[in-house]
Amino acid sequence: MGKRQPFGQTVAVPKRHSLPGGLLAGFLIAFSLPPWGWWPLTFLGIAIFDHLAVQTTSRRQRFFAGWATGFLWLAMGEFWMFDLTAPGWVLVFVVFGAGYGLVAVAGGQDDGRLIRLPAAFVLMEWFRWAYPFGGVPLATVPMTQVASPLSNVLPVGGGLLLTAVTISTGQLLRLVIIRRFDLAPLVAGAVTVLVILGAVVPTGSVIDTLDVAVVQGGGPQRTRADRCENQNVFDRHEAATATITTPVDLVMWPENVVNPSPDGTPLGGCEDVFLMTEAMESVARIAREQNAVLIPGWFHGDGPNTTVNYSTAVTAEGETVSRYDKVRIVPFGEFVPLRGFIENFSDEVPGRDVRQGTGPAVLETPVGTLGISISWEIFFESRGRAAIRDGGEVLVNPTNGSSYWLTILQSQQIASSRLRAQETGRWVLQAAPTGFSAIVSPDGEVLDRTGISEQKVLFGTIERREGLTLATRLGAGPWVVLALVAMLAARFGRRVE
């Protein structure tokens, strides 16, 4: 057979233009992310990324064009990290940006790129969701499309399938621009079939309804844990809860707002210290006053070297009937990887690690089985899937975003709650002390949401649901394998022509 023409025969990109072009692609993808959320820009960014990779003259040039895309995309999408750790922020976009350079190279330059590039993106996204130290799934491709029609594919294949169809749609845009009408209908057809399939597959059925109240106590952003302030945080949530005047079945509080010190702790310069016995009695009293199940988030020491982060279910009688300890804990926030080594270079690390939970991701309550993902866990499809496979009829996400700068991370957490809702076919309740708190329907619609720092209670009637979506049944594994097979098959097909 004669040699097939490359993927769009145009003039090669001059070397001096490849880096600016890559930065432009990264800028467009970044502005598709929350809090900006201009999701169509992703397709233009991917089209530019694809064009540069096809038309550059060497692998080295392809790599640096792709790296420039990842560099600016992640630098903007994870800019909130600068306030916590400027070196860590730089490391993230430099190292993971290089990963997208490898993606640009792996895609190749022939028509097999229509298969290889989406597969390479799937593998890269999956890798950074899982490694290192458990993964950092922030500023991801699926977050750019949570409000777009492409999100219909989430019940079928979760975030990885959404990644693939997003990249394919960007490639489709380029095919149309360069008038490759022999290939464009094939890509358009594949994307359309998957979107339609996602709209018609079963996503579960309704068991019953619940009247819920999601409580946000309010207060200033950029606050950190302080034993002299723990009572004030609790009091703000108690005051907000006291405004609930209509009967509800479930009252949900954020992560960490019940943060007591051991009984007998001296004031030590504080006007007041919130003690364990007082905290337990107050939580039980509030549940009785509301005549509802209360879900408070606890955080406190548990021995000399360990901290615990968990949520409990307290009945309308004031009895604690269930507890879930956070399983996926935050690297360098709740635990320090390679602690002995890291402490040689920095004193600004947590003195004690949070003890990692091991139990099922549910709270068993008189009003139903609540699947739970505490804070960071909502970013991981595996934790949402575990909560529903363990019997969750609703997915709750108590979180604490009060220490973070700007609203980038908080907005991406709302996006993650929307992803988990569509993947699992469940309602999602997100509660944060200073925002954002939200009620999200199974189709990913945010029905109500708080502002930053305001004290507010969100009310809603939601559904308890049963049944598993395909994404919940299968998880990420089959899509990772399929991406590997697709890359190998496309590469092999190229060699035998």
Protein backbone atom coordinates (compact mmCIF):
# COMPACT_ATOMS: atom_id res chain seq x y z
CA MET A 1 0.00 0.00 0.00
CA GLY A 2 1.09 3.58 -0.58
CA LYS A 3 2.02 5.67 2.39
CA ARG A 4 -1.04 7.35 3.92
CA GLN A 5 -0.91 11.11 4.23
CA PRO A 6 -0.48 12.54 7.73
CA PHE A 7 -3.44 13.70 9.77
CA GLY A 8 -4.14 16.87 7.78
CA GLN A 9 -1.53 17.96 5.26
CA THR A 10 -0.72 21.60 6.05
CA VAL A 11 2.38 23.70 6.40
CA ALA A 12 4.57 22.62 9.33
CA VAL A 13 4.46 24.80 12.43
CA PRO A 14 7.65 26.88 12.79
CA LYS A 15 9.59 25.97 15.89
CA ARG A 16 9.25 29.47 17.30
CA HIS A 17 5.45 29.14 17.21
CA SER A 18 5.06 25.74 18.90
CA LEU A 19 5.55 26.90 22.50
CA PRO A 20 3.23 29.94 22.23
CA GLY A 21 0.69 27.69 20.52
CA GLY A 22 0.95 25.15 23.34
CA LEU A 23 0.50 27.88 25.95
CA LEU A 24 -2.59 29.13 24.11
CA ALA A 25 -4.05 25.61 24.14
CA GLY A 26 -3.36 25.34 27.88
CA PHE A 27 -4.95 28.74 28.52
CA LEU A 28 -8.14 27.69 26.71
CA ILE A 29 -8.39 24.38 28.57
CA ALA A 30 -7.78 26.13 31.90
CA PHE A 31 -10.60 28.60 31.26
CA SER A 32 -12.91 25.64 30.65
CA LEU A 33 -12.36 24.59 34.27
CA PRO A 34 -14.31 25.85 37.27
CA PRO A 35 -14.58 28.56 38.47
CA TRP A 36 -14.53 29.95 34.89
CA GLY A 37 -16.37 27.07 33.29
CA TRP A 38 -16.35 28.10 29.61
CA TRP A 39 -16.54 24.45 28.55
CA PRO A 40 -16.55 24.87 24.71
CA LEU A 41 -13.05 26.33 24.94
CA THR A 42 -11.73 22.85 25.76
CA PHE A 43 -12.46 21.70 22.22
CA LEU A 44 -10.57 24.62 20.71
CA GLY A 45 -7.66 24.01 23.11
CA ILE A 46 -7.51 20.32 22.15
CA ALA A 47 -7.78 21.17 18.44
CA ILE A 48 -4.74 23.46 18.79
CA PHE A 49 -2.89 20.83 20.86
CA ASP A 50 -3.65 18.25 18.15
CA HIS A 51 -2.62 20.56 15.32
CA LEU A 52 0.72 21.39 16.95
CA ALA A 53 1.51 17.74 17.61
CA VAL A 54 0.71 16.76 14.04
CA GLN A 55 2.46 19.63 12.29
CA THR A 56 5.63 20.00 14.36
CA THR A 57 8.70 18.54 12.69
CA SER A 58 10.31 16.54 15.50
CA ARG A 59 9.37 14.56 18.58
CA ARG A 60 11.28 17.03 20.71
CA GLN A 61 9.23 19.89 19.33
CA ARG A 62 6.03 17.89 19.83
CA PHE A 63 6.97 17.17 23.42
CA PHE A 64 7.63 20.78 24.32
CA ALA A 65 4.45 21.98 22.64
CA GLY A 66 2.46 19.44 24.66
CA TRP A 67 4.37 20.30 27.82
CA ALA A 68 3.54 23.98 27.34
CA THR A 69 -0.15 23.08 27.16
CA GLY A 70 -0.04 21.07 30.39
CA PHE A 71 2.16 23.70 32.05
CA LEU A 72 -0.32 26.58 31.70
CA TRP A 73 -3.44 24.42 32.09
CA LEU A 74 -2.29 23.10 35.48
CA ALA A 75 -0.62 26.32 36.62
CA MET A 76 -3.96 28.12 36.27
CA GLY A 77 -6.21 25.26 37.33
CA GLU A 78 -4.24 24.61 40.53
CA PHE A 79 -3.23 28.19 41.34
CA TRP A 80 -4.90 27.89 44.76
CA MET A 81 -1.91 25.75 45.83
CA PHE A 82 0.40 28.78 45.68
CA ASP A 83 -0.95 30.03 49.02
CA LEU A 84 -0.24 26.70 50.74
CA THR A 85 2.99 25.61 49.08
CA ALA A 86 4.52 27.60 46.23
CA PRO A 87 7.22 24.96 45.58
CA GLY A 88 4.54 22.23 45.47
CA TRP A 89 2.50 24.27 43.00
CA VAL A 90 5.48 24.68 40.69
CA LEU A 91 6.34 20.99 40.96
CA VAL A 92 2.81 19.97 39.97
CA PHE A 93 2.60 21.92 36.74
CA VAL A 94 6.21 21.30 35.72
CA VAL A 95 6.14 17.52 36.29
CA PHE A 96 2.58 16.76 35.21
CA GLY A 97 2.86 19.27 32.38
CA ALA A 98 5.65 17.07 31.04
CA GLY A 99 3.16 14.20 31.07
CA TYR A 100 1.09 15.97 28.45
CA GLY A 101 4.27 16.37 26.42
CA LEU A 102 4.47 12.60 26.39
CA VAL A 103 0.81 12.45 25.38
CA ALA A 104 1.57 14.69 22.38
CA VAL A 105 4.38 12.36 21.32
CA ALA A 106 2.41 9.15 21.94
CA GLY A 107 -0.41 10.27 19.68
CA GLY A 108 1.76 10.06 16.58
CA GLN A 109 1.07 12.02 13.40
CA ASP A 110 -0.96 9.71 11.15
CA ASP A 111 -4.70 9.03 11.11
CA GLY A 112 -4.32 6.44 13.86
CA ARG A 113 -4.00 9.49 16.10
CA LEU A 114 -7.81 9.60 16.21
CA ILE A 115 -7.55 6.52 18.44
CA ARG A 116 -4.17 6.99 20.08
CA LEU A 117 -4.61 10.56 21.33
CA PRO A 118 -7.84 9.97 23.29
CA ALA A 119 -6.31 6.77 24.66
CA ALA A 120 -3.12 8.59 25.69
CA PHE A 121 -5.14 11.30 27.45
CA VAL A 122 -7.17 8.63 29.27
CA LEU A 123 -3.99 6.97 30.51
CA MET A 124 -2.43 10.28 31.55
CA GLU A 125 -5.54 11.44 33.41
CA TRP A 126 -5.87 8.07 35.14
CA PHE A 127 -2.19 8.16 36.14
CA ARG A 128 -2.35 11.53 37.82
CA TRP A 129 -5.62 10.56 39.52
CA ALA A 130 -3.78 7.62 41.11
CA TYR A 131 -0.09 8.59 41.52
CA PRO A 132 1.91 9.67 43.40
CA PHE A 133 0.76 9.30 47.03
CA GLY A 134 -2.74 8.23 45.99
CA GLY A 135 -3.15 10.78 43.19
CA VAL A 136 -4.11 14.42 42.77
CA PRO A 137 -7.27 14.50 40.60
CA LEU A 138 -7.55 18.30 40.29
CA ALA A 139 -8.02 20.50 37.20
CA THR A 140 -9.04 17.42 35.22
CA VAL A 141 -10.49 17.07 31.73
CA PRO A 142 -13.88 15.80 33.02
CA MET A 143 -14.28 18.92 35.16
CA THR A 144 -14.24 21.02 31.99
CA GLN A 145 -17.31 19.21 30.64
CA VAL A 146 -19.49 18.73 33.71
CA ALA A 147 -22.00 21.27 32.35
CA SER A 148 -21.78 20.17 28.71
CA PRO A 149 -23.93 17.59 26.85
CA LEU A 150 -20.91 15.27 26.75
CA SER A 151 -21.39 14.63 30.48
CA ASN A 152 -24.23 12.29 29.51
CA VAL A 153 -21.59 9.57 29.07
CA LEU A 154 -20.75 9.56 32.80
CA PRO A 155 -23.20 6.78 33.81
CA VAL A 156 -21.62 4.57 31.14
CA GLY A 157 -17.90 5.04 31.71
CA GLY A 158 -17.33 7.74 34.31
CA GLY A 159 -14.65 10.37 34.03
CA LEU A 160 -12.31 8.36 31.81
CA LEU A 161 -14.91 7.88 29.09
CA LEU A 162 -15.79 11.58 29.37
CA THR A 163 -12.08 12.33 28.89
CA ALA A 164 -11.98 10.25 25.72
CA VAL A 165 -15.07 11.80 24.13
CA THR A 166 -13.87 15.31 25.05
CA ILE A 167 -10.54 14.75 23.29
CA SER A 168 -12.30 13.19 20.31
CA THR A 169 -14.59 16.22 20.06
CA GLY A 170 -11.56 18.51 20.01
CA GLN A 171 -10.08 16.38 17.24
CA LEU A 172 -13.40 16.53 15.39
CA LEU A 173 -13.21 20.33 15.44
CA ARG A 174 -9.77 20.17 13.84
CA LEU A 175 -10.95 17.69 11.21
CA VAL A 176 -13.73 20.06 10.22
CA ILE A 177 -11.36 23.05 10.10
CA ILE A 178 -8.88 21.23 7.81
CA ARG A 179 -11.76 19.76 5.74
CA ARG A 180 -11.04 16.10 6.43
CA PHE A 181 -14.64 15.13 5.66
CA ASP A 182 -13.64 11.51 5.12
CA LEU A 183 -12.88 11.12 8.84
CA ALA A 184 -15.02 13.77 10.57
CA PRO A 185 -18.33 11.81 10.25
CA LEU A 186 -16.74 8.74 11.83
CA VAL A 187 -15.61 10.68 14.89
CA ALA A 188 -18.88 12.60 15.13
CA GLY A 189 -20.83 9.36 14.90
CA ALA A 190 -18.84 7.64 17.65
CA VAL A 191 -19.22 10.61 20.02
CA THR A 192 -22.95 10.92 19.26
CA VAL A 193 -23.61 7.22 19.89
CA LEU A 194 -21.87 7.37 23.28
CA VAL A 195 -23.72 10.52 24.34
CA ILE A 196 -27.09 9.01 23.35
CA LEU A 197 -26.22 5.74 25.09
CA GLY A 198 -25.44 7.64 28.28
CA ALA A 199 -28.80 9.40 28.11
CA VAL A 200 -30.78 6.15 27.91
CA VAL A 201 -28.93 3.66 30.14
CA PRO A 202 -30.55 2.88 33.52
CA THR A 203 -29.31 5.03 36.39
CA GLY A 204 -31.27 3.52 39.27
CA SER A 205 -34.75 3.80 40.73
CA VAL A 206 -36.42 5.75 43.54
CA ILE A 207 -37.00 4.14 46.95
CA ASP A 208 -38.38 7.09 48.90
CA THR A 209 -37.84 10.80 49.50
CA LEU A 210 -36.07 12.74 52.26
CA ASP A 211 -36.43 16.32 53.42
CA VAL A 212 -32.90 17.56 54.08
CA ALA A 213 -31.13 20.59 55.51
CA VAL A 214 -27.49 21.27 54.55
CA VAL A 215 -25.91 23.62 57.09
CA GLN A 216 -23.13 26.13 56.42
CA GLY A 217 -22.03 28.03 59.52
CA GLY A 218 -20.12 30.74 57.66
CA GLY A 219 -17.04 32.67 58.71
CA PRO A 220 -13.85 33.94 57.09
CA GLN A 221 -11.88 32.09 54.43
CA ARG A 222 -8.19 31.21 54.85
CA THR A 223 -8.65 30.09 58.46
CA ARG A 224 -6.74 27.10 59.80
CA ALA A 225 -7.31 24.79 62.76
CA ASP A 226 -6.97 26.65 66.06
CA ARG A 227 -8.08 25.21 69.39
CA CYS A 228 -9.01 28.71 70.59
CA GLU A 229 -11.45 29.04 67.64
CA ASN A 230 -12.96 25.55 67.66
CA GLN A 231 -15.84 26.58 69.92
CA ASN A 232 -16.67 29.51 67.63
CA VAL A 233 -16.82 27.25 64.56
CA PHE A 234 -19.18 24.89 66.35
CA ASP A 235 -21.32 27.76 67.64
CA ARG A 236 -21.77 29.17 64.13
CA HIS A 237 -23.12 25.84 62.92
CA GLU A 238 -25.34 25.45 65.95
CA ALA A 239 -26.72 28.97 65.35
CA ALA A 240 -27.38 28.20 61.67
CA THR A 241 -29.10 24.93 62.59
CA ALA A 242 -31.33 26.77 65.06
CA THR A 243 -32.88 28.65 62.11
CA ILE A 244 -34.42 25.40 60.82
CA THR A 245 -38.09 25.79 61.64
CA THR A 246 -39.68 23.27 59.27
CA PRO A 247 -39.51 19.51 59.92
CA VAL A 248 -36.69 17.69 58.11
CA ASP A 249 -35.48 14.10 58.11
CA LEU A 250 -31.75 14.81 57.83
CA VAL A 251 -29.48 17.65 58.97
CA MET A 252 -26.02 17.59 57.42
CA TRP A 253 -22.99 19.40 58.84
CA PRO A 254 -19.56 19.87 57.24
CA GLU A 255 -16.29 18.09 57.92
CA ASN A 256 -14.23 19.05 61.00
CA VAL A 257 -16.71 21.43 62.64
CA VAL A 258 -16.80 19.34 65.82
CA ASN A 259 -13.15 19.70 66.84
CA PRO A 260 -12.92 19.13 70.60
CA SER A 261 -9.93 18.99 72.91
CA PRO A 262 -9.58 16.25 75.54
CA ASP A 263 -11.50 16.83 78.74
CA GLY A 264 -9.39 18.71 81.26
CA THR A 265 -7.39 20.66 78.66
CA PRO A 266 -6.30 23.99 80.25
CA LEU A 267 -7.27 27.27 78.61
CA GLY A 268 -3.64 28.10 77.83
CA GLY A 269 -4.35 31.65 76.69
CA CYS A 270 -7.74 30.87 75.07
CA GLU A 271 -10.95 32.48 76.23
CA ASP A 272 -12.62 29.10 75.92
CA VAL A 273 -11.67 25.53 74.98
CA PHE A 274 -14.17 23.19 73.36
CA LEU A 275 -14.01 19.89 75.28
CA MET A 276 -14.98 16.35 74.25
CA THR A 277 -17.79 15.77 76.75
CA GLU A 278 -19.32 19.13 75.90
CA ALA A 279 -19.12 18.32 72.19
CA MET A 280 -20.84 14.93 72.56
CA GLU A 281 -23.61 16.35 74.71
CA SER A 282 -24.17 19.30 72.37
CA VAL A 283 -24.39 17.12 69.25
CA ALA A 284 -26.94 14.81 70.91
CA ARG A 285 -29.00 17.79 72.11
CA ILE A 286 -29.10 19.42 68.68
CA ALA A 287 -30.30 16.18 67.05
CA ARG A 288 -33.07 15.90 69.64
CA GLU A 289 -34.09 19.55 69.19
CA GLN A 290 -34.35 19.10 65.43
CA ASN A 291 -36.02 15.69 65.77
CA ALA A 292 -33.90 14.58 62.83
CA VAL A 293 -30.84 12.53 61.98
CA LEU A 294 -27.76 14.76 62.34
CA ILE A 295 -24.51 14.09 60.43
CA PRO A 296 -21.69 16.00 62.23
CA GLY A 297 -18.05 15.97 61.10
CA TRP A 298 -15.46 15.30 63.85
CA PHE A 299 -11.73 15.97 63.99
CA HIS A 300 -9.57 15.48 67.07
CA GLY A 301 -6.55 13.75 68.51
CA ASP A 302 -6.69 10.06 69.29
CA GLY A 303 -3.62 9.31 71.34
CA PRO A 304 -0.22 11.02 71.30
CA ASN A 305 0.63 10.47 67.62
CA THR A 306 -2.65 10.14 65.74
CA THR A 307 -5.57 12.31 64.65
CA VAL A 308 -8.97 11.07 63.47
CA ASN A 309 -11.29 12.57 60.85
CA TYR A 310 -14.76 11.05 60.73
CA SER A 311 -18.48 11.64 60.47
CA THR A 312 -21.19 10.11 62.61
CA ALA A 313 -24.93 9.59 62.35
CA VAL A 314 -26.86 10.77 65.41
CA THR A 315 -30.53 9.84 65.66
CA ALA A 316 -33.43 12.09 66.63
CA GLU A 317 -33.11 10.53 70.09
CA GLY A 318 -29.53 11.75 70.39
CA GLU A 319 -27.93 8.32 69.96
CA THR A 320 -24.85 7.82 67.77
CA VAL A 321 -25.61 4.79 65.59
CA SER A 322 -22.96 4.85 62.84
CA ARG A 323 -19.48 6.21 62.10
CA TYR A 324 -17.29 6.50 59.00
CA ASP A 325 -13.56 7.28 59.23
CA LYS A 326 -12.06 8.98 56.18
CA VAL A 327 -10.25 6.42 54.00
CA ARG A 328 -8.56 8.54 51.31
CA ILE A 329 -6.53 11.09 53.25
CA VAL A 330 -4.72 14.14 51.86
CA PRO A 331 -0.96 13.86 51.21
CA PHE A 332 1.02 16.58 53.01
CA GLY A 333 -2.22 17.77 54.62
CA GLU A 334 -3.44 14.78 56.62
CA PHE A 335 -0.41 12.56 56.27
CA VAL A 336 3.20 13.16 55.32
CA PRO A 337 4.65 10.67 52.80
CA LEU A 338 8.29 9.84 53.50
CA ARG A 339 7.99 11.78 56.76
CA GLY A 340 11.49 11.02 58.02
CA PHE A 341 13.00 12.34 54.81
CA ILE A 342 10.70 15.36 54.39
CA GLU A 343 11.25 16.58 57.94
CA ASN A 344 14.95 17.03 57.15
CA PHE A 345 13.99 19.86 54.79
CA SER A 346 10.85 21.44 56.28
CA ASP A 347 9.37 22.12 59.69
CA GLU A 348 6.02 23.11 58.17
CA VAL A 349 4.45 19.65 58.06
CA PRO A 350 1.63 18.24 60.20
CA GLY A 351 3.00 16.91 63.46
CA ARG A 352 0.61 13.96 63.46
CA ASP A 353 -0.91 11.90 60.67
CA VAL A 354 -4.62 11.26 60.36
CA ARG A 355 -5.41 7.60 60.93
CA GLN A 356 -6.73 6.12 57.70
CA GLY A 357 -10.14 4.47 57.90
CA THR A 358 -10.83 0.98 56.60
CA GLY A 359 -14.59 0.49 56.88
CA PRO A 360 -17.43 0.59 54.34
CA ALA A 361 -18.16 4.06 52.93
CA VAL A 362 -21.65 4.32 54.40
CA LEU A 363 -23.53 5.63 57.41
CA GLU A 364 -26.46 3.46 58.43
CA THR A 365 -29.26 5.70 59.71
CA PRO A 366 -32.97 5.43 60.53
CA VAL A 367 -33.76 7.44 57.38
CA GLY A 368 -31.70 5.31 55.01
CA THR A 369 -28.18 4.22 54.08
CA LEU A 370 -26.03 7.22 53.27
CA GLY A 371 -22.99 6.73 51.07
CA ILE A 372 -20.23 9.07 52.21
CA SER A 373 -17.11 10.65 50.74
CA ILE A 374 -15.43 13.03 53.17
CA SER A 375 -13.94 16.14 51.57
CA TRP A 376 -10.96 15.11 49.37
CA GLU A 377 -12.58 11.74 48.66
CA ILE A 378 -15.23 13.28 46.38
CA PHE A 379 -12.50 13.98 43.80
CA PHE A 380 -11.94 10.20 43.39
CA GLU A 381 -14.45 8.21 41.36
CA SER A 382 -13.34 5.09 43.24
CA ARG A 383 -14.57 6.49 46.58
CA GLY A 384 -17.95 7.55 45.19
CA ARG A 385 -18.29 4.13 43.57
CA ALA A 386 -17.36 2.39 46.83
CA ALA A 387 -20.02 4.36 48.70
CA ILE A 388 -22.76 3.29 46.31
CA ARG A 389 -21.57 -0.31 45.97
CA ASP A 390 -21.61 -0.48 49.78
CA GLY A 391 -25.33 0.35 49.67
CA GLY A 392 -25.48 4.14 49.61
CA GLU A 393 -28.87 5.50 48.59
CA VAL A 394 -27.66 9.11 48.73
CA LEU A 395 -24.06 10.38 48.54
CA VAL A 396 -23.02 12.93 51.19
CA ASN A 397 -19.84 14.98 51.06
CA PRO A 398 -19.00 16.78 54.29
CA THR A 399 -15.98 18.94 53.53
CA ASN A 400 -13.86 21.79 54.86
CA GLY A 401 -12.59 24.33 52.34
CA SER A 402 -12.19 27.18 54.82
CA SER A 403 -8.39 27.19 54.73
CA TYR A 404 -8.06 27.66 50.96
CA TRP A 405 -7.31 30.79 48.98
CA LEU A 406 -9.63 32.06 46.22
CA THR A 407 -12.50 29.80 45.08
CA ILE A 408 -10.74 27.62 42.50
CA LEU A 409 -10.57 24.46 44.58
CA GLN A 410 -14.04 24.92 46.07
CA SER A 411 -15.53 25.35 42.58
CA GLN A 412 -13.74 22.23 41.36
CA GLN A 413 -15.16 20.34 44.32
CA ILE A 414 -18.67 21.31 43.26
CA ALA A 415 -17.76 20.01 39.79
CA SER A 416 -16.55 16.75 41.34
CA SER A 417 -19.83 16.37 43.23
CA ARG A 418 -21.64 16.83 39.92
CA LEU A 419 -19.43 14.17 38.30
CA ARG A 420 -20.08 11.71 41.13
CA ALA A 421 -23.84 12.36 40.97
CA GLN A 422 -24.02 11.51 37.27
CA GLU A 423 -21.63 8.56 37.53
CA THR A 424 -23.58 6.94 40.36
CA GLY A 425 -27.16 8.05 39.68
CA ARG A 426 -27.43 9.49 43.19
CA TRP A 427 -28.27 12.79 44.81
CA VAL A 428 -25.22 14.45 46.34
CA LEU A 429 -25.25 16.71 49.41
CA GLN A 430 -22.11 18.80 49.93
CA ALA A 431 -21.64 20.75 53.17
CA ALA A 432 -18.72 23.10 53.88
CA PRO A 433 -18.22 25.48 56.84
CA THR A 434 -17.53 28.55 54.68
CA GLY A 435 -18.53 27.33 51.22
CA PHE A 436 -19.38 26.01 48.87
CA SER A 437 -22.28 23.87 50.06
CA ALA A 438 -24.70 22.45 47.50
CA ILE A 439 -27.53 20.09 46.65
CA VAL A 440 -26.90 18.21 43.38
CA SER A 441 -29.41 16.04 41.52
CA PRO A 442 -28.53 12.70 39.85
CA ASP A 443 -28.31 14.40 36.46
CA GLY A 444 -25.59 16.72 37.79
CA GLU A 445 -27.71 19.84 38.17
CA VAL A 446 -26.84 22.11 41.11
CA LEU A 447 -30.27 22.88 42.57
CA ASP A 448 -29.01 25.15 45.32
CA ARG A 449 -25.65 26.46 46.43
CA THR A 450 -24.27 28.82 49.06
CA GLY A 451 -21.88 31.72 48.65
CA ILE A 452 -18.48 31.97 50.25
CA SER A 453 -18.45 32.82 53.97
CA GLU A 454 -22.21 33.19 54.32
CA GLN A 455 -24.21 31.50 57.05
CA LYS A 456 -27.00 29.64 55.34
CA VAL A 457 -29.07 26.46 55.39
CA LEU A 458 -29.99 24.78 52.10
CA PHE A 459 -33.32 22.94 52.09
CA GLY A 460 -34.43 20.32 49.62
CA THR A 461 -36.49 17.20 49.04
CA ILE A 462 -34.26 14.53 47.57
CA GLU A 463 -34.63 10.88 46.62
CA ARG A 464 -33.21 7.77 48.15
CA ARG A 465 -32.24 5.64 45.15
CA GLU A 466 -31.10 2.08 44.45
CA GLY A 467 -29.48 0.30 41.52
CA LEU A 468 -26.04 0.63 39.93
CA THR A 469 -24.99 2.45 36.79
CA LEU A 470 -22.53 0.82 34.40
CA ALA A 471 -19.84 3.20 35.66
CA THR A 472 -20.49 2.12 39.25
CA ARG A 473 -20.40 -1.55 38.31
CA LEU A 474 -17.25 -1.41 36.18
CA GLY A 475 -15.11 1.38 37.57
CA ALA A 476 -12.04 2.77 35.83
CA GLY A 477 -10.19 -0.53 35.22
CA PRO A 478 -11.84 -1.60 31.94
CA TRP A 479 -11.31 1.84 30.39
CA VAL A 480 -7.63 1.86 31.32
CA VAL A 481 -7.20 -1.56 29.72
CA LEU A 482 -9.19 -0.51 26.65
CA ALA A 483 -7.01 2.60 26.27
CA LEU A 484 -3.87 0.48 26.41
CA VAL A 485 -5.25 -1.99 23.87
CA ALA A 486 -6.36 0.85 21.58
CA MET A 487 -2.93 2.44 21.63
CA LEU A 488 -1.20 -0.85 20.92
CA ALA A 489 -3.64 -1.79 18.18
CA ALA A 490 -3.33 1.60 16.46
CA ARG A 491 0.46 1.43 16.68
CA PHE A 492 0.55 -2.13 15.34
CA GLY A 493 -1.83 -1.25 12.49
CA ARG A 494 0.47 1.62 11.51
CA ARG A 495 3.48 -0.70 11.31
CA VAL A 496 1.86 -3.36 9.12
CA GLU A 497 0.51 -0.96 6.47
